Amino acid sequence: MKLAEALILRANAQKRMEQLKQRILRNAKVQEGDTPSENPEELLREFESAASELIDLMQRINRTNSKTSFQDSSLSDALAKRDVLRMRISLYRDLAQAASITDSRYSRSEVKFSSAVPVARIQKEADLLAKEHRELDARIQEANWLVELSN
């Protein structure tokens, strides 16, 4: 199985567990004399089984990411870099938006705001980071389809 396939299975397992959780909670209590529409004990067993399978899958994915060479480091290192790039992009974009001045004064006596940071430079940095993120993500996705999942 390719790493990319395992990542798809992981996402599906996580969704399945969330759905089971909601079903368990919906059937946790009923009016006295009624029976739940689904047996919460059976749902709990199904949830625990899915959790065990997810643990195994996540461990295999993590082992694969750690062992897989990627450029000058490991795939795990590349994933960490991609995650931090995403956080940096978010900050720079939010900062550029927050610092942008829109003149919404109704009269000259109202408070006038000025930007405390160079918006164009901040936006340009956000764009450069976004490009770096896209390129790194494309290389990671390619690796995911080439690498076999570890045992």
Protein backbone atom coordinates (compact mmCIF):
# COMPACT_ATOMS: atom_id res chain seq x y z
CA MET A 1 0.00 0.00 0.00
CA LYS A 2 1.26 3.46 -0.86
CA LEU A 3 1.61 6.10 1.84
CA ALA A 4 -0.99 8.27 0.11
CA GLU A 5 -3.53 5.44 0.32
CA ALA A 6 -2.81 5.05 4.03
CA LEU A 7 -3.37 8.78 4.52
CA ILE A 8 -6.76 8.47 2.83
CA LEU A 9 -7.63 5.50 5.05
CA ARG A 10 -6.54 7.50 8.12
CA ALA A 11 -8.83 10.40 7.20
CA ASN A 12 -11.72 7.98 6.61
CA ALA A 13 -11.08 6.25 9.95
CA GLN A 14 -11.05 9.58 11.77
CA LYS A 15 -14.37 10.55 10.16
CA ARG A 16 -15.82 7.14 11.01
CA MET A 17 -14.80 7.49 14.65
CA GLU A 18 -16.38 10.94 14.84
CA GLN A 19 -19.61 9.56 13.35
CA LEU A 20 -19.60 6.68 15.83
CA LYS A 21 -19.05 9.15 18.67
CA GLN A 22 -22.10 11.15 17.61
CA ARG A 23 -24.20 7.98 17.33
CA ILE A 24 -23.06 6.85 20.79
CA LEU A 25 -23.92 10.20 22.33
CA ARG A 26 -27.34 10.29 20.63
CA ASN A 27 -28.14 6.88 22.12
CA ALA A 28 -26.62 7.43 25.56
CA LYS A 29 -29.96 8.07 27.21
CA VAL A 30 -33.60 7.46 26.45
CA GLN A 31 -36.86 8.13 28.13
CA GLU A 32 -37.70 5.57 30.78
CA GLY A 33 -39.40 2.56 29.19
CA ASP A 34 -37.97 3.26 25.71
CA THR A 35 -35.02 1.60 24.05
CA PRO A 36 -32.31 3.44 22.13
CA SER A 37 -32.46 3.28 18.35
CA GLU A 38 -28.97 1.73 18.38
CA ASN A 39 -27.23 -0.26 21.08
CA PRO A 40 -24.62 2.07 22.61
CA GLU A 41 -22.57 -0.90 23.90
CA GLU A 42 -22.23 -2.28 20.35
CA LEU A 43 -21.35 1.18 19.08
CA LEU A 44 -18.69 1.49 21.79
CA ARG A 45 -17.15 -1.83 20.75
CA GLU A 46 -17.15 -0.68 17.12
CA PHE A 47 -15.57 2.63 18.18
CA GLU A 48 -12.82 0.87 20.18
CA SER A 49 -12.09 -1.46 17.27
CA ALA A 50 -11.81 1.52 14.91
CA ALA A 51 -9.55 3.27 17.43
CA SER A 52 -7.20 0.29 17.53
CA GLU A 53 -7.05 0.16 13.74
CA LEU A 54 -6.40 3.90 13.60
CA ILE A 55 -3.54 3.63 16.09
CA ASP A 56 -1.89 0.94 13.97
CA LEU A 57 -2.34 2.94 10.79
CA MET A 58 -1.02 6.15 12.35
CA GLN A 59 2.02 4.35 13.76
CA ARG A 60 2.81 2.88 10.35
CA ILE A 61 2.41 6.29 8.69
CA ASN A 62 4.68 7.92 11.28
CA ARG A 63 7.33 5.19 10.89
CA THR A 64 7.19 5.59 7.13
CA ASN A 65 7.51 9.37 7.34
CA SER A 66 10.48 9.09 9.68
CA LYS A 67 12.31 6.50 7.55
CA THR A 68 11.64 8.11 4.17
CA SER A 69 14.38 10.34 2.77
CA PHE A 70 13.08 13.60 1.40
CA GLN A 71 15.49 16.05 -0.21
CA ASP A 72 18.14 16.54 2.49
CA SER A 73 16.13 15.27 5.48
CA SER A 74 13.15 13.02 6.22
CA LEU A 75 9.54 13.24 5.15
CA SER A 76 8.65 13.95 8.80
CA ASP A 77 10.91 16.99 8.74
CA ALA A 78 9.28 18.20 5.53
CA LEU A 79 5.82 17.81 7.07
CA ALA A 80 6.88 19.89 10.08
CA LYS A 81 8.23 22.58 7.77
CA ARG A 82 5.01 22.58 5.73
CA ASP A 83 2.87 22.93 8.88
CA VAL A 84 4.92 25.88 10.13
CA LEU A 85 4.81 27.49 6.69
CA ARG A 86 1.01 27.28 6.84
CA MET A 87 1.05 29.05 10.22
CA ARG A 88 3.41 31.75 8.95
CA ILE A 89 1.26 32.36 5.86
CA SER A 90 -1.79 32.75 8.07
CA LEU A 91 -0.07 35.34 10.26
CA TYR A 92 1.26 37.40 7.36
CA ARG A 93 -2.08 37.40 5.54
CA ASP A 94 -4.00 38.30 8.68
CA LEU A 95 -1.48 41.03 9.51
CA ALA A 96 -1.71 42.53 6.02
CA GLN A 97 -5.48 42.55 6.26
CA ALA A 98 -5.52 44.04 9.76
CA ALA A 99 -3.04 46.77 8.81
CA SER A 100 -4.82 47.78 5.61
CA ILE A 101 -6.44 51.16 5.97
CA THR A 102 -9.93 51.74 4.73
CA ASP A 103 -11.10 55.30 5.08
CA SER A 104 -14.49 54.99 6.72
CA ARG A 105 -14.56 58.33 8.51
CA TYR A 106 -17.70 60.37 8.20
CA SER A 107 -16.17 63.65 9.30
CA ARG A 108 -12.72 65.17 9.82
CA SER A 109 -13.18 65.04 13.59
CA GLU A 110 -13.23 61.24 13.72
CA VAL A 111 -10.09 59.27 14.58
CA LYS A 112 -7.77 58.58 11.69
CA PHE A 113 -5.77 55.34 11.61
CA SER A 114 -2.43 54.64 9.99
CA SER A 115 -0.73 51.36 9.31
CA ALA A 116 2.02 50.37 11.76
CA VAL A 117 3.58 47.91 9.29
CA PRO A 118 4.40 48.09 5.55
CA VAL A 119 1.36 46.28 4.14
CA ALA A 120 2.78 45.73 0.64
CA ARG A 121 5.95 44.11 2.04
CA ILE A 122 3.93 41.96 4.44
CA GLN A 123 1.62 40.82 1.62
CA LYS A 124 4.61 40.07 -0.61
CA GLU A 125 6.11 37.92 2.16
CA ALA A 126 2.79 36.07 2.51
CA ASP A 127 2.79 35.42 -1.24
CA LEU A 128 6.38 34.13 -1.19
CA LEU A 129 5.60 31.83 1.74
CA ALA A 130 2.48 30.58 -0.04
CA LYS A 131 4.54 29.75 -3.12
CA GLU A 132 7.10 27.89 -1.01
CA HIS A 133 4.25 26.00 0.72
CA ARG A 134 2.64 25.00 -2.59
CA GLU A 135 5.92 23.74 -4.01
CA LEU A 136 6.81 21.79 -0.86
CA ASP A 137 3.29 20.34 -0.63
CA ALA A 138 3.44 19.18 -4.25
CA ARG A 139 6.74 17.38 -3.59
CA ILE A 140 5.30 15.81 -0.43
CA GLN A 141 2.20 14.62 -2.31
CA GLU A 142 4.41 13.13 -5.02
CA ALA A 143 6.44 11.28 -2.39
CA ASN A 144 3.24 10.00 -0.78
CA TRP A 145 2.29 8.26 -4.03
CA LEU A 146 5.75 6.78 -4.53
CA VAL A 147 6.55 5.48 -1.03
CA GLU A 148 5.33 2.13 0.27
CA LEU A 149 3.83 2.11 3.77
CA SER A 150 6.06 0.52 6.43
CA ASN A 151 4.92 -2.41 8.53
